[in-house]
Amino acid sequence: MRGHMGIVAGALWAACAVPVAWAEVVTLGSAKDNTLYEDGAGSLSNGAGQYFFAGLTVRDEKRRGLLAFDVAGGIPAGSTIHGVSLTLHMSRTIAGTTTVELRRVQADWGEGASDADDEEGGGAPAAAGDATWLHTFFPSGFWTNAGGDFATTPSASGSVGENGPYTWGSTAQLVADVQGWLDSPGTNYGWLLLGDEKTTPSAKRFDTRENPVEANRPKLTVEFTRGGDFDGDGDVDLSDFTSFQLCFGGASNPPAGTCPPGVDADLDADGDVDLADFLIFQQNFTGSR
């Protein structure tokens, strides 16, 4: 393994000639979104619609929004998440100010080709692959619980009143959600928007990624530092490489005194500082500004 380090060290030295700008903030658009329309038959959805909903309708029917973001596709592996905020545009309601919570979804779900008419509050016939009140993927995949499987406690909550943009600010649980999705992309099922389901009406309509007004589409803003910035100077550079090289051993728990204090070089969190961690370090290497 030490031989690998010697070979790639030269490549990292050469990379210093082409510095790469450090990015500490990224804004991601949603990768999918949908609505769970309360329906005993599980026959309604709105995968391709311009809107999704949360709350109770005038007919006392529940609506729950779903949305997910491709975290691993937009943030370098091994990064540390420091702040997360979600911005949605609420475009229609007849209700007063209500609380809308973000609940981490616990099963994968789909966004099919269904597209509701008019204001979209009634949904459309579910299409193949759609999430519905009963289905994760219509017609053969099912939630364990009707209405979706999601965390019992909110990751964040916020008050939503009149039409306009709303932001759910960073919380420890939002950060933990996104960090988990970055470290284990296969567990990224996004959030469910849970509105006030005790007051009729309380429904809020939000714009989806298919909305024609780009500025109104869902946005996830994430603050992070790239994995390997051990000295916290905003660059993954040669000083960090020196620390990484001291930690590199290809086995758990490098010998005492080898890895500098406070340096966590196990970037993929698998218990070993090995070639996989080096490849993450190499991907995030910026040289110097």
Protein backbone atom coordinates (compact mmCIF):
# COMPACT_ATOMS: atom_id res chain seq x y z
CA MET A 1 0.00 0.00 0.00
CA ARG A 2 2.86 2.40 0.77
CA GLY A 3 3.94 1.93 -2.85
CA HIS A 4 0.61 3.25 -4.03
CA MET A 5 1.20 6.40 -1.98
CA GLY A 6 4.55 7.04 -3.58
CA ILE A 7 3.13 6.72 -7.07
CA VAL A 8 0.19 9.01 -6.56
CA ALA A 9 2.15 11.54 -4.51
CA GLY A 10 3.79 12.69 -7.73
CA ALA A 11 0.41 13.13 -9.36
CA LEU A 12 -0.76 15.28 -6.47
CA TRP A 13 2.35 17.47 -6.67
CA ALA A 14 1.66 17.95 -10.39
CA ALA A 15 -1.94 18.84 -9.66
CA CYS A 16 -0.76 21.90 -7.72
CA ALA A 17 -0.02 23.56 -11.05
CA VAL A 18 -3.76 23.63 -11.78
CA PRO A 19 -5.55 24.90 -8.67
CA VAL A 20 -9.25 24.15 -8.36
CA ALA A 21 -11.57 26.66 -6.68
CA TRP A 22 -12.89 25.47 -3.31
CA ALA A 23 -16.68 25.24 -3.12
CA GLU A 24 -18.22 25.37 0.37
CA VAL A 25 -21.89 25.72 -0.63
CA VAL A 26 -23.95 23.86 -3.22
CA THR A 27 -27.60 24.26 -4.20
CA LEU A 28 -29.35 21.14 -5.48
CA GLY A 29 -32.64 20.88 -7.34
CA SER A 30 -34.98 18.04 -6.42
CA ALA A 31 -34.42 14.73 -8.18
CA LYS A 32 -38.05 13.63 -7.74
CA ASP A 33 -41.24 14.80 -6.03
CA ASN A 34 -44.82 13.61 -5.74
CA THR A 35 -47.98 13.72 -3.60
CA LEU A 36 -49.62 11.00 -1.53
CA TYR A 37 -53.38 11.53 -2.01
CA GLU A 38 -55.46 9.85 0.70
CA ASP A 39 -57.30 7.14 -1.22
CA GLY A 40 -58.28 3.69 0.02
CA ALA A 41 -57.66 2.18 -3.41
CA GLY A 42 -54.20 3.70 -3.81
CA SER A 43 -55.14 4.82 -7.30
CA LEU A 44 -54.10 8.51 -7.29
CA SER A 45 -50.77 10.24 -7.81
CA ASN A 46 -49.16 13.23 -9.57
CA GLY A 47 -45.63 12.26 -10.51
CA ALA A 48 -45.24 14.63 -13.46
CA GLY A 49 -47.36 17.44 -12.02
CA GLN A 50 -46.30 21.03 -11.42
CA TYR A 51 -47.39 20.92 -7.77
CA PHE A 52 -47.36 18.78 -4.64
CA PHE A 53 -49.45 19.18 -1.50
CA ALA A 54 -49.42 18.88 2.30
CA GLY A 55 -52.32 19.16 4.75
CA LEU A 56 -56.09 18.56 4.76
CA THR A 57 -58.45 19.53 1.94
CA VAL A 58 -61.93 21.03 2.40
CA ARG A 59 -63.22 17.46 2.07
CA ASP A 60 -61.05 16.40 5.03
CA GLU A 61 -58.74 14.36 2.79
CA LYS A 62 -55.05 14.13 3.64
CA ARG A 63 -52.29 15.19 1.29
CA ARG A 64 -48.63 14.45 1.95
CA GLY A 65 -45.76 15.71 -0.19
CA LEU A 66 -42.65 13.73 -1.11
CA LEU A 67 -39.35 15.07 -2.41
CA ALA A 68 -35.77 13.83 -2.66
CA PHE A 69 -32.42 15.25 -3.77
CA ASP A 70 -29.40 13.53 -5.33
CA VAL A 71 -27.00 14.37 -2.50
CA ALA A 72 -24.23 11.95 -3.51
CA GLY A 73 -24.37 13.26 -7.07
CA GLY A 74 -23.82 16.86 -6.00
CA ILE A 75 -21.40 16.68 -3.04
CA PRO A 76 -17.98 14.97 -3.04
CA ALA A 77 -17.78 11.67 -1.18
CA GLY A 78 -16.23 11.88 2.26
CA SER A 79 -17.34 15.48 2.81
CA THR A 80 -18.63 16.75 6.13
CA ILE A 81 -22.01 18.47 6.10
CA HIS A 82 -22.26 21.59 8.26
CA GLY A 83 -25.55 23.24 7.29
CA VAL A 84 -28.71 22.37 5.34
CA SER A 85 -31.71 24.45 4.31
CA LEU A 86 -34.70 23.65 2.11
CA THR A 87 -36.55 26.32 0.14
CA LEU A 88 -39.99 25.70 -1.38
CA HIS A 89 -42.44 28.02 -3.10
CA MET A 90 -46.01 27.78 -1.83
CA SER A 91 -48.35 28.84 -4.63
CA ARG A 92 -51.93 28.25 -3.47
CA THR A 93 -53.93 27.86 -0.26
CA ILE A 94 -57.25 28.83 1.31
CA ALA A 95 -55.96 28.10 4.81
CA GLY A 96 -54.30 30.38 7.33
CA THR A 97 -50.83 29.90 8.74
CA THR A 98 -50.07 26.25 9.52
CA THR A 99 -47.06 24.17 10.51
CA VAL A 100 -45.44 21.95 7.90
CA GLU A 101 -42.91 19.37 9.03
CA LEU A 102 -40.16 17.54 7.17
CA ARG A 103 -40.10 13.85 8.06
CA ARG A 104 -37.35 11.53 6.80
CA VAL A 105 -38.85 8.87 4.53
CA GLN A 106 -37.95 5.28 5.37
CA ALA A 107 -38.62 3.49 2.07
CA ASP A 108 -37.87 4.22 -1.56
CA TRP A 109 -40.69 5.59 -3.72
CA GLY A 110 -41.39 6.59 -7.29
CA GLU A 111 -42.29 9.48 -9.54
CA GLY A 112 -44.24 8.20 -12.54
CA ALA A 113 -45.88 9.91 -15.50
CA SER A 114 -49.21 10.78 -13.84
CA ASP A 115 -50.16 14.45 -14.31
CA ALA A 116 -53.22 15.93 -12.62
CA ASP A 117 -55.48 18.50 -14.29
CA ASP A 118 -56.37 22.05 -13.26
CA GLU A 119 -55.07 22.97 -9.80
CA GLU A 120 -53.94 19.32 -9.30
CA GLY A 121 -55.46 18.97 -5.83
CA GLY A 122 -57.49 15.90 -6.80
CA GLY A 123 -54.61 13.97 -8.31
CA ALA A 124 -54.59 11.80 -11.44
CA PRO A 125 -54.81 8.06 -12.13
CA ALA A 126 -51.55 6.54 -10.90
CA ALA A 127 -49.05 5.52 -13.56
CA ALA A 128 -46.45 2.76 -13.42
CA GLY A 129 -43.79 3.55 -10.83
CA ASP A 130 -45.82 6.21 -9.02
CA ALA A 131 -46.01 6.61 -5.27
CA THR A 132 -49.59 6.54 -3.97
CA TRP A 133 -51.27 6.44 -0.57
CA LEU A 134 -50.73 2.66 -0.56
CA HIS A 135 -47.86 2.17 -3.00
CA THR A 136 -44.18 2.96 -3.04
CA PHE A 137 -44.14 2.02 -6.74
CA PHE A 138 -47.54 1.52 -8.35
CA PRO A 139 -48.93 -1.09 -8.86
CA SER A 140 -46.85 -3.75 -7.06
CA GLY A 141 -44.70 -2.02 -4.41
CA PHE A 142 -46.32 -1.10 -1.10
CA TRP A 143 -45.67 1.04 1.94
CA THR A 144 -45.70 -0.84 5.23
CA ASN A 145 -48.14 1.81 6.47
CA ALA A 146 -50.84 3.47 4.36
CA GLY A 147 -49.89 7.09 3.82
CA GLY A 148 -46.15 6.43 3.73
CA ASP A 149 -43.37 5.20 6.00
CA PHE A 150 -41.55 8.06 7.68
CA ALA A 151 -39.78 9.06 10.89
CA THR A 152 -41.92 9.65 13.96
CA THR A 153 -40.14 12.91 14.76
CA PRO A 154 -39.60 15.86 12.38
CA SER A 155 -36.21 16.77 10.97
CA ALA A 156 -37.42 20.38 10.75
CA SER A 157 -40.68 22.32 10.92
CA GLY A 158 -41.82 25.73 9.77
CA SER A 159 -44.85 27.98 9.57
CA VAL A 160 -46.40 28.45 6.13
CA GLY A 161 -48.92 31.23 5.56
CA GLU A 162 -49.65 33.20 2.39
CA ASN A 163 -48.26 32.49 -1.07
CA GLY A 164 -44.51 32.86 -1.43
CA PRO A 165 -41.16 31.22 -0.73
CA TYR A 166 -40.49 29.41 2.56
CA THR A 167 -37.23 28.08 3.96
CA TRP A 168 -36.75 25.34 6.51
CA GLY A 169 -33.51 26.36 8.19
CA SER A 170 -30.69 24.10 9.26
CA THR A 171 -31.23 21.78 12.20
CA ALA A 172 -29.04 19.05 13.65
CA GLN A 173 -31.40 16.41 12.25
CA LEU A 174 -31.46 17.93 8.74
CA VAL A 175 -27.67 17.87 8.77
CA ALA A 176 -27.69 14.27 9.99
CA ASP A 177 -30.17 13.29 7.26
CA VAL A 178 -28.05 14.74 4.47
CA GLN A 179 -24.79 13.41 5.93
CA GLY A 180 -26.34 9.95 6.07
CA TRP A 181 -27.52 10.18 2.48
CA LEU A 182 -24.04 11.26 1.36
CA ASP A 183 -22.31 8.45 3.23
CA SER A 184 -24.92 5.82 2.28
CA PRO A 185 -26.67 6.88 -0.95
CA GLY A 186 -28.80 3.75 -0.96
CA THR A 187 -30.69 5.04 2.09
CA ASN A 188 -31.62 8.37 0.49
CA TYR A 189 -35.42 8.36 0.27
CA GLY A 190 -35.85 12.08 0.91
CA TRP A 191 -38.42 13.82 3.08
CA LEU A 192 -42.18 13.74 3.45
CA LEU A 193 -43.97 17.06 3.97
CA LEU A 194 -46.48 16.57 6.75
CA GLY A 195 -48.97 19.39 7.11
CA ASP A 196 -51.58 20.14 9.76
CA GLU A 197 -53.84 17.07 9.65
CA LYS A 198 -56.12 18.18 12.49
CA THR A 199 -57.50 21.42 11.03
CA THR A 200 -59.81 21.51 7.99
CA PRO A 201 -58.83 22.98 5.62
CA SER A 202 -55.06 23.30 6.02
CA ALA A 203 -53.68 22.18 2.64
CA LYS A 204 -50.76 24.01 1.09
CA ARG A 205 -49.69 23.65 -2.54
CA PHE A 206 -45.98 23.76 -3.36
CA ASP A 207 -44.24 23.98 -6.73
CA THR A 208 -42.37 20.90 -7.98
CA ARG A 209 -39.28 20.39 -10.10
CA GLU A 210 -41.57 20.27 -13.15
CA ASN A 211 -42.94 23.76 -12.49
CA PRO A 212 -42.33 26.04 -15.49
CA VAL A 213 -41.01 28.83 -13.23
CA GLU A 214 -37.48 27.65 -12.50
CA ALA A 215 -37.01 30.05 -9.59
CA ASN A 216 -39.94 28.41 -7.79
CA ARG A 217 -38.66 24.84 -7.93
CA PRO A 218 -37.43 23.09 -4.75
CA LYS A 219 -33.89 23.95 -3.69
CA LEU A 220 -31.66 22.28 -1.13
CA THR A 221 -28.70 24.41 -0.01
CA VAL A 222 -25.87 22.52 1.66
CA GLU A 223 -22.76 23.87 3.37
CA PHE A 224 -19.90 21.37 3.52
CA THR A 225 -16.18 20.86 3.67
CA ARG A 226 -14.56 18.35 1.41
CA GLY A 227 -13.20 15.17 2.95
CA GLY A 228 -9.47 15.53 3.54
CA ASP A 229 -9.34 19.19 4.61
CA PHE A 230 -7.72 18.20 7.89
CA ASP A 231 -6.26 21.62 8.70
CA GLY A 232 -9.53 23.44 7.96
CA ASP A 233 -8.02 26.03 5.63
CA GLY A 234 -10.57 25.53 2.85
CA ASP A 235 -8.23 23.53 0.58
CA VAL A 236 -7.47 19.83 0.33
CA ASP A 237 -3.80 20.38 -0.41
CA LEU A 238 -0.29 19.13 0.24
CA SER A 239 -0.37 19.86 3.95
CA ASP A 240 -3.45 17.65 4.21
CA PHE A 241 -1.76 15.02 2.07
CA THR A 242 1.12 14.88 4.54
CA SER A 243 -1.34 14.15 7.35
CA PHE A 244 -3.18 11.61 5.24
CA GLN A 245 0.01 9.81 4.31
CA LEU A 246 0.93 9.42 7.99
CA CYS A 247 -2.48 7.85 8.67
CA PHE A 248 -2.48 5.57 5.66
CA GLY A 249 -1.94 1.98 6.67
CA GLY A 250 -4.54 -0.15 4.91
CA ALA A 251 -5.80 -1.47 8.25
CA SER A 252 -7.92 -0.37 11.16
CA ASN A 253 -6.38 1.78 13.89
CA PRO A 254 -3.00 2.95 12.50
CA PRO A 255 -0.13 2.51 15.00
CA ALA A 256 -0.23 4.91 17.95
CA GLY A 257 1.49 8.18 17.15
CA THR A 258 1.30 7.65 13.39
CA CYS A 259 -1.88 9.60 12.61
CA PRO A 260 -1.77 13.26 13.75
CA PRO A 261 -4.19 14.15 16.57
CA GLY A 262 -7.64 15.17 15.36
CA VAL A 263 -7.15 13.79 11.84
CA ASP A 264 -9.86 11.36 10.71
CA ALA A 265 -8.52 9.92 7.48
CA ASP A 266 -11.13 7.15 7.28
CA LEU A 267 -13.10 9.14 4.68
CA ASP A 268 -15.50 6.35 3.75
CA ALA A 269 -16.11 5.49 7.43
CA ASP A 270 -15.52 1.76 6.94
CA GLY A 271 -13.02 1.40 9.81
CA ASP A 272 -9.92 1.28 7.57
CA VAL A 273 -7.66 4.00 6.24
CA ASP A 274 -6.93 2.38 2.92
CA LEU A 275 -6.86 2.81 -0.85
CA ALA A 276 -10.58 3.58 -0.99
CA ASP A 277 -9.98 6.56 1.31
CA PHE A 278 -7.06 7.67 -0.83
CA LEU A 279 -9.26 7.67 -3.93
CA ILE A 280 -11.75 9.93 -2.12
CA PHE A 281 -8.87 12.18 -1.03
CA GLN A 282 -7.57 12.31 -4.60
CA GLN A 283 -11.03 13.23 -5.92
CA ASN A 284 -11.29 16.11 -3.44
CA PHE A 285 -7.71 17.34 -3.85
CA THR A 286 -7.70 21.03 -4.79
CA GLY A 287 -4.02 21.94 -4.61
CA SER A 288 -3.97 25.50 -3.27
CA ARG A 289 -5.84 28.65 -4.13
